[in-house]
């Protein structure tokens, strides 16, 4: 995280206050110097190694008692499309219910059964369909430290302040020892594209922001830009429904390289990926869709 740079709507007691504070006031009170996160029960650490050279670690979101949603790139040592092509994703360590990196150990580790990359992962660029689901071997026992986050529904409008958390790099380009959070605002995709360019110009360094993505905007404070940074990828961007008050995950951070040099973090829009997420977590096989359709058609015919 840059400065405090990983984000999340952590204490929802705090969030209630945030909604009534002007943006400028909120920034100065919450972000100057970086802000530690309160307990964030859906936050996962997806771990390959301490060293970025060996794959590093990133964030994830617990979305049920057996599944964690993260960025697909978190499951590879070398994360460029040219390096991941034909490679099998690695099985990471997953830690839940931790606020400090030192808490990642045998008592907070949840063994992984399997990982499932999105079938369109890195189709055209390094950032396409950057999602993966991680299935845990045993169901998680829910507690005040470990609880899943609901997913955005189709058509659900994301507005107001949004939050993300993570253990990403800070001001000295070293990961913080504790989970950090950042309150951000959203940016339009057109503004985001103006910085990162068109699909033809997309490179391993910058994404093309398509309709399955959206962006958050960093902001400056003194000499520093508060933004997502290396190591925050996979973390869930959290929003609150303006009508129901429900807290939910709107996106999964993919492009975490904004740091001080770029304005925008880029996220996979969860509502665009609900059919895939549901099909995997249901345990669908290749025949499942056809079997359901056949059963439905048969029942309708018998009704006639």
C-alpha atoms as a PDB file:
ATOM      1  CA  UNK A   1       0.000   0.000   0.000  1.00  0.00           C
ATOM      2  CA  UNK A   2       1.312   3.423  -0.807  1.00  0.00           C
ATOM      3  CA  UNK A   3       1.579   5.100   2.572  1.00  0.00           C
ATOM      4  CA  UNK A   4      -1.476   3.401   4.012  1.00  0.00           C
ATOM      5  CA  UNK A   5      -2.286   2.372   0.641  1.00  0.00           C
ATOM      6  CA  UNK A   6      -4.408  -0.791   0.757  1.00  0.00           C
ATOM      7  CA  UNK A   7      -8.086  -0.231   1.177  1.00  0.00           C
ATOM      8  CA  UNK A   8     -11.247  -1.252   2.986  1.00  0.00           C
ATOM      9  CA  UNK A   9     -14.371  -0.264   4.654  1.00  0.00           C
ATOM     10  CA  UNK A  10     -13.275  -1.672   7.863  1.00  0.00           C
ATOM     11  CA  UNK A  11     -15.079  -0.752  11.001  1.00  0.00           C
ATOM     12  CA  UNK A  12     -18.521  -0.079   9.769  1.00  0.00           C
ATOM     13  CA  UNK A  13     -18.989   2.034  12.811  1.00  0.00           C
ATOM     14  CA  UNK A  14     -16.289   4.179  11.215  1.00  0.00           C
ATOM     15  CA  UNK A  15     -18.043   3.946   7.860  1.00  0.00           C
ATOM     16  CA  UNK A  16     -21.193   5.487   9.263  1.00  0.00           C
ATOM     17  CA  UNK A  17     -19.119   8.483  10.293  1.00  0.00           C
ATOM     18  CA  UNK A  18     -17.363   8.598   6.919  1.00  0.00           C
ATOM     19  CA  UNK A  19     -20.619   9.072   5.049  1.00  0.00           C
ATOM     20  CA  UNK A  20     -21.208  12.359   6.854  1.00  0.00           C
ATOM     21  CA  UNK A  21     -17.725  13.826   6.512  1.00  0.00           C
ATOM     22  CA  UNK A  22     -16.641  15.995   3.618  1.00  0.00           C
ATOM     23  CA  UNK A  23     -14.076  14.354   1.355  1.00  0.00           C
ATOM     24  CA  UNK A  24     -11.302  16.809   2.216  1.00  0.00           C
ATOM     25  CA  UNK A  25     -11.856  16.363   5.926  1.00  0.00           C
ATOM     26  CA  UNK A  26     -12.054  12.593   5.570  1.00  0.00           C
ATOM     27  CA  UNK A  27      -8.733  12.473   3.743  1.00  0.00           C
ATOM     28  CA  UNK A  28      -6.848  14.467   6.333  1.00  0.00           C
ATOM     29  CA  UNK A  29      -8.273  12.568   9.284  1.00  0.00           C
ATOM     30  CA  UNK A  30      -8.089   9.063   7.902  1.00  0.00           C
ATOM     31  CA  UNK A  31      -5.106   8.895   5.573  1.00  0.00           C
ATOM     32  CA  UNK A  32      -2.343  11.279   6.599  1.00  0.00           C
ATOM     33  CA  UNK A  33       0.550   9.138   7.740  1.00  0.00           C
ATOM     34  CA  UNK A  34      -1.271   5.933   6.866  1.00  0.00           C
ATOM     35  CA  UNK A  35      -4.088   4.198   8.704  1.00  0.00           C
ATOM     36  CA  UNK A  36      -4.114   0.777  10.305  1.00  0.00           C
ATOM     37  CA  UNK A  37      -7.225  -1.275   9.651  1.00  0.00           C
ATOM     38  CA  UNK A  38      -9.632  -2.532  12.301  1.00  0.00           C
ATOM     39  CA  UNK A  39     -10.568  -6.237  12.150  1.00  0.00           C
ATOM     40  CA  UNK A  40     -11.629  -7.052   8.596  1.00  0.00           C
ATOM     41  CA  UNK A  41     -13.231 -10.488   8.815  1.00  0.00           C
ATOM     42  CA  UNK A  42     -13.362 -11.229   5.072  1.00  0.00           C
ATOM     43  CA  UNK A  43      -9.745 -10.243   4.372  1.00  0.00           C
ATOM     44  CA  UNK A  44      -7.490 -13.092   3.251  1.00  0.00           C
ATOM     45  CA  UNK A  45      -3.748 -13.183   2.701  1.00  0.00           C
ATOM     46  CA  UNK A  46      -2.866 -15.212  -0.400  1.00  0.00           C
ATOM     47  CA  UNK A  47       0.767 -16.156   0.082  1.00  0.00           C
ATOM     48  CA  UNK A  48       3.436 -17.609  -2.194  1.00  0.00           C
ATOM     49  CA  UNK A  49       6.575 -16.124  -0.611  1.00  0.00           C
ATOM     50  CA  UNK A  50       7.878 -13.101   1.282  1.00  0.00           C
ATOM     51  CA  UNK A  51       9.956 -12.068  -1.725  1.00  0.00           C
ATOM     52  CA  UNK A  52       8.311 -10.572  -4.796  1.00  0.00           C
ATOM     53  CA  UNK A  53      10.928 -12.373  -6.876  1.00  0.00           C
ATOM     54  CA  UNK A  54       9.482 -15.657  -5.606  1.00  0.00           C
ATOM     55  CA  UNK A  55       5.862 -14.621  -6.141  1.00  0.00           C
ATOM     56  CA  UNK A  56       5.185 -12.460  -3.084  1.00  0.00           C
ATOM     57  CA  UNK A  57       1.776 -12.283  -1.474  1.00  0.00           C
ATOM     58  CA  UNK A  58      -1.471 -10.413  -2.005  1.00  0.00           C
ATOM     59  CA  UNK A  59      -5.012 -10.058  -0.828  1.00  0.00           C
ATOM     60  CA  UNK A  60      -8.188 -12.026  -1.228  1.00  0.00           C
ATOM     61  CA  UNK A  61     -11.793 -11.958  -0.074  1.00  0.00           C
ATOM     62  CA  UNK A  62     -13.598 -14.757   1.730  1.00  0.00           C
ATOM     63  CA  UNK A  63     -16.936 -15.069  -0.109  1.00  0.00           C
ATOM     64  CA  UNK A  64     -18.322 -18.241   1.538  1.00  0.00           C
ATOM     65  CA  UNK A  65     -17.241 -20.833   4.100  1.00  0.00           C
ATOM     66  CA  UNK A  66     -15.133 -22.637   1.457  1.00  0.00           C
ATOM     67  CA  UNK A  67     -14.152 -20.074  -1.188  1.00  0.00           C
ATOM     68  CA  UNK A  68     -11.751 -17.125  -1.468  1.00  0.00           C
ATOM     69  CA  UNK A  69     -11.847 -14.760  -4.463  1.00  0.00           C
ATOM     70  CA  UNK A  70      -8.541 -13.179  -5.519  1.00  0.00           C
ATOM     71  CA  UNK A  71      -6.594 -11.875  -8.521  1.00  0.00           C
ATOM     72  CA  UNK A  72      -5.390 -14.638 -10.837  1.00  0.00           C
ATOM     73  CA  UNK A  73      -1.940 -13.076 -11.056  1.00  0.00           C
ATOM     74  CA  UNK A  74      -1.460 -13.761  -7.340  1.00  0.00           C
ATOM     75  CA  UNK A  75      -1.053 -17.450  -8.173  1.00  0.00           C
ATOM     76  CA  UNK A  76       2.033 -17.091 -10.359  1.00  0.00           C
ATOM     77  CA  UNK A  77       5.653 -16.224  -9.592  1.00  0.00           C
ATOM     78  CA  UNK A  78       6.174 -14.450 -12.918  1.00  0.00           C
ATOM     79  CA  UNK A  79       2.927 -12.638 -13.600  1.00  0.00           C
ATOM     80  CA  UNK A  80       3.250 -11.480 -17.200  1.00  0.00           C
ATOM     81  CA  UNK A  81       1.075 -13.104 -19.846  1.00  0.00           C
ATOM     82  CA  UNK A  82       4.135 -14.331 -21.734  1.00  0.00           C
ATOM     83  CA  UNK A  83       5.290 -16.148 -18.578  1.00  0.00           C
ATOM     84  CA  UNK A  84       1.962 -17.596 -17.399  1.00  0.00           C
ATOM     85  CA  UNK A  85       0.882 -19.033 -20.761  1.00  0.00           C
ATOM     86  CA  UNK A  86       0.661 -22.818 -20.422  1.00  0.00           C
ATOM     87  CA  UNK A  87       1.658 -22.718 -16.760  1.00  0.00           C
ATOM     88  CA  UNK A  88      -0.383 -24.248 -13.957  1.00  0.00           C
ATOM     89  CA  UNK A  89      -1.265 -21.788 -11.168  1.00  0.00           C
ATOM     90  CA  UNK A  90       0.467 -22.442  -7.887  1.00  0.00           C
ATOM     91  CA  UNK A  91      -1.327 -23.568  -4.738  1.00  0.00           C
ATOM     92  CA  UNK A  92      -0.878 -20.707  -2.258  1.00  0.00           C
ATOM     93  CA  UNK A  93      -1.090 -20.586   1.484  1.00  0.00           C
ATOM     94  CA  UNK A  94      -4.233 -18.802   2.671  1.00  0.00           C
ATOM     95  CA  UNK A  95      -4.454 -17.001   6.002  1.00  0.00           C
ATOM     96  CA  UNK A  96      -7.670 -15.655   7.494  1.00  0.00           C
ATOM     97  CA  UNK A  97      -8.517 -13.567  10.530  1.00  0.00           C
ATOM     98  CA  UNK A  98      -5.166 -11.776  10.765  1.00  0.00           C
ATOM     99  CA  UNK A  99      -4.344  -8.101  11.253  1.00  0.00           C
ATOM    100  CA  UNK A 100      -0.555  -8.441  11.427  1.00  0.00           C
ATOM    101  CA  UNK A 101       1.719 -10.279   9.036  1.00  0.00           C
ATOM    102  CA  UNK A 102       3.315 -11.999  12.014  1.00  0.00           C
ATOM    103  CA  UNK A 103      -0.080 -13.595  12.720  1.00  0.00           C
ATOM    104  CA  UNK A 104       0.263 -15.656   9.525  1.00  0.00           C
ATOM    105  CA  UNK A 105       1.080 -19.083  10.933  1.00  0.00           C
ATOM    106  CA  UNK A 106      -0.254 -22.611  11.502  1.00  0.00           C
ATOM    107  CA  UNK A 107      -3.225 -21.462  13.602  1.00  0.00           C
ATOM    108  CA  UNK A 108      -4.476 -18.984  10.970  1.00  0.00           C
ATOM    109  CA  UNK A 109      -3.624 -20.994   7.842  1.00  0.00           C
ATOM    110  CA  UNK A 110      -6.465 -22.676   5.943  1.00  0.00           C
ATOM    111  CA  UNK A 111      -5.365 -25.489   3.649  1.00  0.00           C
ATOM    112  CA  UNK A 112      -6.249 -25.201  -0.023  1.00  0.00           C
ATOM    113  CA  UNK A 113      -8.121 -27.911  -1.931  1.00  0.00           C
ATOM    114  CA  UNK A 114      -7.776 -26.391  -5.404  1.00  0.00           C
ATOM    115  CA  UNK A 115      -7.543 -23.156  -7.363  1.00  0.00           C
ATOM    116  CA  UNK A 116      -9.650 -22.211 -10.402  1.00  0.00           C
ATOM    117  CA  UNK A 117      -8.472 -19.529 -12.821  1.00  0.00           C
ATOM    118  CA  UNK A 118     -11.022 -17.633 -14.854  1.00  0.00           C
ATOM    119  CA  UNK A 119     -11.064 -19.342 -18.292  1.00  0.00           C
ATOM    120  CA  UNK A 120     -10.369 -16.005 -19.993  1.00  0.00           C
ATOM    121  CA  UNK A 121      -7.437 -15.127 -17.729  1.00  0.00           C
ATOM    122  CA  UNK A 122      -4.937 -12.950 -19.625  1.00  0.00           C
ATOM    123  CA  UNK A 123      -6.622 -13.653 -22.972  1.00  0.00           C
ATOM    124  CA  UNK A 124      -5.263 -10.551 -24.698  1.00  0.00           C
ATOM    125  CA  UNK A 125      -3.347  -8.562 -22.101  1.00  0.00           C
ATOM    126  CA  UNK A 126      -1.779  -9.140 -18.681  1.00  0.00           C
ATOM    127  CA  UNK A 127      -4.903  -7.762 -17.014  1.00  0.00           C
ATOM    128  CA  UNK A 128      -7.799  -9.520 -18.789  1.00  0.00           C
ATOM    129  CA  UNK A 129     -10.220 -11.422 -16.537  1.00  0.00           C
ATOM    130  CA  UNK A 130      -7.745 -11.302 -13.675  1.00  0.00           C
ATOM    131  CA  UNK A 131      -9.657 -13.504 -11.250  1.00  0.00           C
ATOM    132  CA  UNK A 132      -9.200 -16.815  -9.481  1.00  0.00           C
ATOM    133  CA  UNK A 133     -11.211 -18.782  -6.949  1.00  0.00           C
ATOM    134  CA  UNK A 134      -9.501 -20.706  -4.172  1.00  0.00           C
ATOM    135  CA  UNK A 135     -11.351 -23.600  -2.554  1.00  0.00           C
ATOM    136  CA  UNK A 136     -10.439 -24.412   1.037  1.00  0.00           C
ATOM    137  CA  UNK A 137     -10.199 -28.024   2.176  1.00  0.00           C
ATOM    138  CA  UNK A 138     -12.483 -27.517   5.155  1.00  0.00           C
ATOM    139  CA  UNK A 139     -15.326 -25.084   5.807  1.00  0.00           C
ATOM    140  CA  UNK A 140     -14.354 -22.033   7.830  1.00  0.00           C
ATOM    141  CA  UNK A 141     -15.922 -21.689  11.263  1.00  0.00           C
ATOM    142  CA  UNK A 142     -17.431 -18.216  11.287  1.00  0.00           C
ATOM    143  CA  UNK A 143     -16.497 -15.834  14.083  1.00  0.00           C
ATOM    144  CA  UNK A 144     -15.972 -12.150  14.773  1.00  0.00           C
ATOM    145  CA  UNK A 145     -12.577 -12.546  13.081  1.00  0.00           C
ATOM    146  CA  UNK A 146     -13.611 -14.575  10.025  1.00  0.00           C
ATOM    147  CA  UNK A 147     -16.800 -13.877   8.052  1.00  0.00           C
ATOM    148  CA  UNK A 148     -17.460 -13.772   4.283  1.00  0.00           C
ATOM    149  CA  UNK A 149     -18.357 -10.642   2.338  1.00  0.00           C
ATOM    150  CA  UNK A 150     -21.432 -10.560   0.025  1.00  0.00           C
ATOM    151  CA  UNK A 151     -20.838  -9.963  -3.669  1.00  0.00           C
ATOM    152  CA  UNK A 152     -22.176  -7.112  -5.786  1.00  0.00           C
ATOM    153  CA  UNK A 153     -25.398  -7.912  -7.574  1.00  0.00           C
ATOM    154  CA  UNK A 154     -26.012  -7.226 -11.235  1.00  0.00           C
ATOM    155  CA  UNK A 155     -27.118  -3.680 -11.773  1.00  0.00           C
ATOM    156  CA  UNK A 156     -26.073  -2.625  -8.280  1.00  0.00           C
ATOM    157  CA  UNK A 157     -24.841   0.951  -8.477  1.00  0.00           C
ATOM    158  CA  UNK A 158     -21.514   1.627  -6.754  1.00  0.00           C
ATOM    159  CA  UNK A 159     -21.369   5.141  -5.367  1.00  0.00           C
ATOM    160  CA  UNK A 160     -20.046   7.071  -2.401  1.00  0.00           C
ATOM    161  CA  UNK A 161     -16.750   6.343  -0.652  1.00  0.00           C
ATOM    162  CA  UNK A 162     -15.219   2.910  -1.174  1.00  0.00           C
ATOM    163  CA  UNK A 163     -12.570   1.123   0.866  1.00  0.00           C
ATOM    164  CA  UNK A 164      -9.820  -1.438   0.344  1.00  0.00           C
ATOM    165  CA  UNK A 165      -7.388  -3.156   2.710  1.00  0.00           C
ATOM    166  CA  UNK A 166      -4.096  -4.938   2.213  1.00  0.00           C
ATOM    167  CA  UNK A 167      -0.450  -5.472   3.055  1.00  0.00           C
ATOM    168  CA  UNK A 168       0.868  -3.663  -0.028  1.00  0.00           C
ATOM    169  CA  UNK A 169       4.040  -1.632  -0.237  1.00  0.00           C
ATOM    170  CA  UNK A 170       4.232   1.614   1.690  1.00  0.00           C
ATOM    171  CA  UNK A 171       6.129   4.855   1.467  1.00  0.00           C
ATOM    172  CA  UNK A 172       9.542   3.177   1.707  1.00  0.00           C
ATOM    173  CA  UNK A 173       8.569   0.435  -0.760  1.00  0.00           C
ATOM    174  CA  UNK A 174       8.417  -2.148   1.991  1.00  0.00           C
ATOM    175  CA  UNK A 175       5.278  -4.006   3.097  1.00  0.00           C
ATOM    176  CA  UNK A 176       3.804  -2.785   6.394  1.00  0.00           C
ATOM    177  CA  UNK A 177       3.707  -5.160   9.332  1.00  0.00           C
ATOM    178  CA  UNK A 178      -0.037  -4.672   9.820  1.00  0.00           C
ATOM    179  CA  UNK A 179      -3.095  -4.495   7.589  1.00  0.00           C
ATOM    180  CA  UNK A 180      -3.760  -0.998   6.238  1.00  0.00           C
ATOM    181  CA  UNK A 181      -6.872   0.572   4.819  1.00  0.00           C
ATOM    182  CA  UNK A 182      -7.608   3.408   2.455  1.00  0.00           C
ATOM    183  CA  UNK A 183     -10.823   5.262   1.668  1.00  0.00           C
ATOM    184  CA  UNK A 184     -11.025   6.135  -2.022  1.00  0.00           C
ATOM    185  CA  UNK A 185     -13.349   7.618  -4.594  1.00  0.00           C
ATOM    186  CA  UNK A 186     -14.318   6.051  -7.901  1.00  0.00           C
ATOM    187  CA  UNK A 187     -13.212   7.368 -11.299  1.00  0.00           C
ATOM    188  CA  UNK A 188     -15.010   6.998 -14.605  1.00  0.00           C
ATOM    189  CA  UNK A 189     -13.642   4.443 -17.039  1.00  0.00           C
ATOM    190  CA  UNK A 190     -13.166   7.175 -19.643  1.00  0.00           C
ATOM    191  CA  UNK A 191     -10.849   9.098 -17.322  1.00  0.00           C
ATOM    192  CA  UNK A 192      -9.039   5.892 -16.478  1.00  0.00           C
ATOM    193  CA  UNK A 193      -8.591   5.017 -20.151  1.00  0.00           C
ATOM    194  CA  UNK A 194      -7.212   8.473 -20.833  1.00  0.00           C
ATOM    195  CA  UNK A 195      -4.242   7.552 -18.650  1.00  0.00           C
ATOM    196  CA  UNK A 196      -3.796   3.884 -19.549  1.00  0.00           C
ATOM    197  CA  UNK A 197      -4.686   4.046 -23.227  1.00  0.00           C
ATOM    198  CA  UNK A 198      -6.571   1.919 -25.711  1.00  0.00           C
ATOM    199  CA  UNK A 199      -6.614  -1.843 -26.073  1.00  0.00           C
ATOM    200  CA  UNK A 200      -4.031  -1.613 -28.857  1.00  0.00           C
ATOM    201  CA  UNK A 201      -1.677   0.285 -26.550  1.00  0.00           C
ATOM    202  CA  UNK A 202      -2.140  -2.007 -23.532  1.00  0.00           C
ATOM    203  CA  UNK A 203       1.155  -3.476 -22.333  1.00  0.00           C
ATOM    204  CA  UNK A 204       2.517  -5.536 -19.469  1.00  0.00           C
ATOM    205  CA  UNK A 205       2.798  -2.234 -17.620  1.00  0.00           C
ATOM    206  CA  UNK A 206      -0.727  -0.846 -18.028  1.00  0.00           C
ATOM    207  CA  UNK A 207      -4.201  -2.356 -18.508  1.00  0.00           C
ATOM    208  CA  UNK A 208      -6.877  -1.601 -21.049  1.00  0.00           C
ATOM    209  CA  UNK A 209      -9.936  -0.755 -18.957  1.00  0.00           C
ATOM    210  CA  UNK A 210     -12.883  -2.593 -20.497  1.00  0.00           C
ATOM    211  CA  UNK A 211     -16.510  -2.816 -19.377  1.00  0.00           C
ATOM    212  CA  UNK A 212     -15.701  -5.649 -16.959  1.00  0.00           C
ATOM    213  CA  UNK A 213     -13.442  -3.321 -14.974  1.00  0.00           C
ATOM    214  CA  UNK A 214     -13.712  -0.071 -13.039  1.00  0.00           C
ATOM    215  CA  UNK A 215     -11.256   2.315 -11.404  1.00  0.00           C
ATOM    216  CA  UNK A 216     -10.542   4.058  -8.129  1.00  0.00           C
ATOM    217  CA  UNK A 217      -8.610   7.284  -7.884  1.00  0.00           C
ATOM    218  CA  UNK A 218      -5.725   8.004  -5.545  1.00  0.00           C
ATOM    219  CA  UNK A 219      -5.290  11.406  -3.967  1.00  0.00           C
ATOM    220  CA  UNK A 220      -2.401  13.535  -2.851  1.00  0.00           C
ATOM    221  CA  UNK A 221      -1.525  14.749   0.615  1.00  0.00           C
ATOM    222  CA  UNK A 222       1.493  16.979   0.877  1.00  0.00           C
ATOM    223  CA  UNK A 223       4.310  15.340  -1.073  1.00  0.00           C
ATOM    224  CA  UNK A 224       2.688  11.922  -1.213  1.00  0.00           C
ATOM    225  CA  UNK A 225      -0.003  10.173  -3.224  1.00  0.00           C
ATOM    226  CA  UNK A 226      -2.200   7.793  -1.275  1.00  0.00           C
ATOM    227  CA  UNK A 227      -3.014   4.909  -3.558  1.00  0.00           C
ATOM    228  CA  UNK A 228      -2.971   1.162  -3.994  1.00  0.00           C
ATOM    229  CA  UNK A 229       0.445  -0.349  -4.627  1.00  0.00           C
ATOM    230  CA  UNK A 230       2.329  -3.620  -5.123  1.00  0.00           C
ATOM    231  CA  UNK A 231       0.964  -6.359  -2.880  1.00  0.00           C
ATOM    232  CA  UNK A 232      -2.590  -5.031  -2.638  1.00  0.00           C
ATOM    233  CA  UNK A 233      -3.837  -7.029  -5.665  1.00  0.00           C
ATOM    234  CA  UNK A 234      -6.625  -9.473  -4.892  1.00  0.00           C
ATOM    235  CA  UNK A 235      -8.127  -7.292  -2.187  1.00  0.00           C
ATOM    236  CA  UNK A 236     -11.833  -6.536  -2.377  1.00  0.00           C
ATOM    237  CA  UNK A 237     -13.045  -2.987  -2.943  1.00  0.00           C
ATOM    238  CA  UNK A 238     -15.884  -2.579  -0.467  1.00  0.00           C
ATOM    239  CA  UNK A 239     -18.956  -0.405  -0.948  1.00  0.00           C
ATOM    240  CA  UNK A 240     -22.229   0.185   0.874  1.00  0.00           C
ATOM    241  CA  UNK A 241     -25.619  -0.028  -0.827  1.00  0.00           C
ATOM    242  CA  UNK A 242     -27.265   3.388  -0.555  1.00  0.00           C
ATOM    243  CA  UNK A 243     -30.750   1.905  -0.141  1.00  0.00           C
ATOM    244  CA  UNK A 244     -30.305  -1.191   2.020  1.00  0.00           C
ATOM    245  CA  UNK A 245     -27.108  -0.197   3.818  1.00  0.00           C
ATOM    246  CA  UNK A 246     -25.658  -3.616   2.926  1.00  0.00           C
ATOM    247  CA  UNK A 247     -21.875  -3.799   2.753  1.00  0.00           C
ATOM    248  CA  UNK A 248     -20.577  -5.787  -0.241  1.00  0.00           C
ATOM    249  CA  UNK A 249     -17.555  -6.433  -2.449  1.00  0.00           C
ATOM    250  CA  UNK A 250     -17.834  -4.432  -5.678  1.00  0.00           C
ATOM    251  CA  UNK A 251     -14.502  -5.371  -7.238  1.00  0.00           C
ATOM    252  CA  UNK A 252     -11.233  -7.250  -6.885  1.00  0.00           C
ATOM    253  CA  UNK A 253      -8.072  -5.185  -7.301  1.00  0.00           C
ATOM    254  CA  UNK A 254      -6.031  -6.216 -10.338  1.00  0.00           C
ATOM    255  CA  UNK A 255      -3.809  -3.306 -11.343  1.00  0.00           C
ATOM    256  CA  UNK A 256      -1.956  -2.502  -8.105  1.00  0.00           C
ATOM    257  CA  UNK A 257       0.953  -0.610  -9.666  1.00  0.00           C
ATOM    258  CA  UNK A 258      -0.501   2.868  -9.377  1.00  0.00           C
ATOM    259  CA  UNK A 259       1.544   3.772  -6.271  1.00  0.00           C
ATOM    260  CA  UNK A 260       2.979   7.287  -6.720  1.00  0.00           C
ATOM    261  CA  UNK A 261       3.271   7.187 -10.496  1.00  0.00           C
ATOM    262  CA  UNK A 262      -0.305   6.589 -11.640  1.00  0.00           C
ATOM    263  CA  UNK A 263      -3.664   7.989 -10.621  1.00  0.00           C
ATOM    264  CA  UNK A 264      -5.882   4.932 -10.881  1.00  0.00           C
ATOM    265  CA  UNK A 265      -6.209   1.450  -9.433  1.00  0.00           C
ATOM    266  CA  UNK A 266      -8.111  -0.977 -11.677  1.00  0.00           C
ATOM    267  CA  UNK A 267     -10.554  -3.644 -10.453  1.00  0.00           C
ATOM    268  CA  UNK A 268     -12.397  -6.610 -11.878  1.00  0.00           C
ATOM    269  CA  UNK A 269     -16.105  -5.716 -11.662  1.00  0.00           C
ATOM    270  CA  UNK A 270     -17.600  -8.562  -9.634  1.00  0.00           C
ATOM    271  CA  UNK A 271     -21.129  -8.150 -11.006  1.00  0.00           C
ATOM    272  CA  UNK A 272     -19.789  -8.961 -14.495  1.00  0.00           C
ATOM    273  CA  UNK A 273     -18.375 -12.257 -13.271  1.00  0.00           C
ATOM    274  CA  UNK A 274     -21.253 -13.598 -11.164  1.00  0.00           C
ATOM    275  CA  UNK A 275     -22.215 -16.404 -13.609  1.00  0.00           C
ATOM    276  CA  UNK A 276     -18.661 -17.760 -13.563  1.00  0.00           C
ATOM    277  CA  UNK A 277     -18.273 -17.379  -9.792  1.00  0.00           C
ATOM    278  CA  UNK A 278     -21.572 -19.159  -9.134  1.00  0.00           C
ATOM    279  CA  UNK A 279     -20.822 -21.965 -11.594  1.00  0.00           C
ATOM    280  CA  UNK A 280     -17.490 -22.714  -9.904  1.00  0.00           C
ATOM    281  CA  UNK A 281     -18.690 -22.470  -6.317  1.00  0.00           C
ATOM    282  CA  UNK A 282     -21.726 -24.658  -7.145  1.00  0.00           C
ATOM    283  CA  UNK A 283     -19.373 -27.316  -8.437  1.00  0.00           C
ATOM    284  CA  UNK A 284     -20.812 -27.357 -11.957  1.00  0.00           C
ATOM    285  CA  UNK A 285     -19.430 -29.862 -14.444  1.00  0.00           C
ATOM    286  CA  UNK A 286     -19.366 -29.535 -18.222  1.00  0.00           C
ATOM    287  CA  UNK A 287     -22.751 -31.292 -18.337  1.00  0.00           C
ATOM    288  CA  UNK A 288     -24.477 -29.317 -15.571  1.00  0.00           C
ATOM    289  CA  UNK A 289     -26.017 -26.627 -17.769  1.00  0.00           C
ATOM    290  CA  UNK A 290     -27.360 -29.157 -20.265  1.00  0.00           C
ATOM    291  CA  UNK A 291     -28.773 -31.341 -17.488  1.00  0.00           C
ATOM    292  CA  UNK A 292     -30.612 -28.402 -15.935  1.00  0.00           C
ATOM    293  CA  UNK A 293     -32.019 -27.315 -19.297  1.00  0.00           C
ATOM    294  CA  UNK A 294     -33.119 -30.859 -20.145  1.00  0.00           C
ATOM    295  CA  UNK A 295     -34.896 -31.264 -16.793  1.00  0.00           C
ATOM    296  CA  UNK A 296     -36.671 -27.936 -17.164  1.00  0.00           C
ATOM    297  CA  UNK A 297     -37.758 -28.691 -20.738  1.00  0.00           C
ATOM    298  CA  UNK A 298     -39.057 -32.111 -19.716  1.00  0.00           C
ATOM    299  CA  UNK A 299     -41.158 -30.686 -16.881  1.00  0.00           C
ATOM    300  CA  UNK A 300     -42.623 -28.019 -19.151  1.00  0.00           C
ATOM    301  CA  UNK A 301     -43.536 -30.618 -21.791  1.00  0.00           C
ATOM    302  CA  UNK A 302     -45.255 -32.815 -19.194  1.00  0.00           C
ATOM    303  CA  UNK A 303     -47.331 -29.838 -18.097  1.00  0.00           C
ATOM    304  CA  UNK A 304     -48.863 -29.500 -21.562  1.00  0.00           C
END
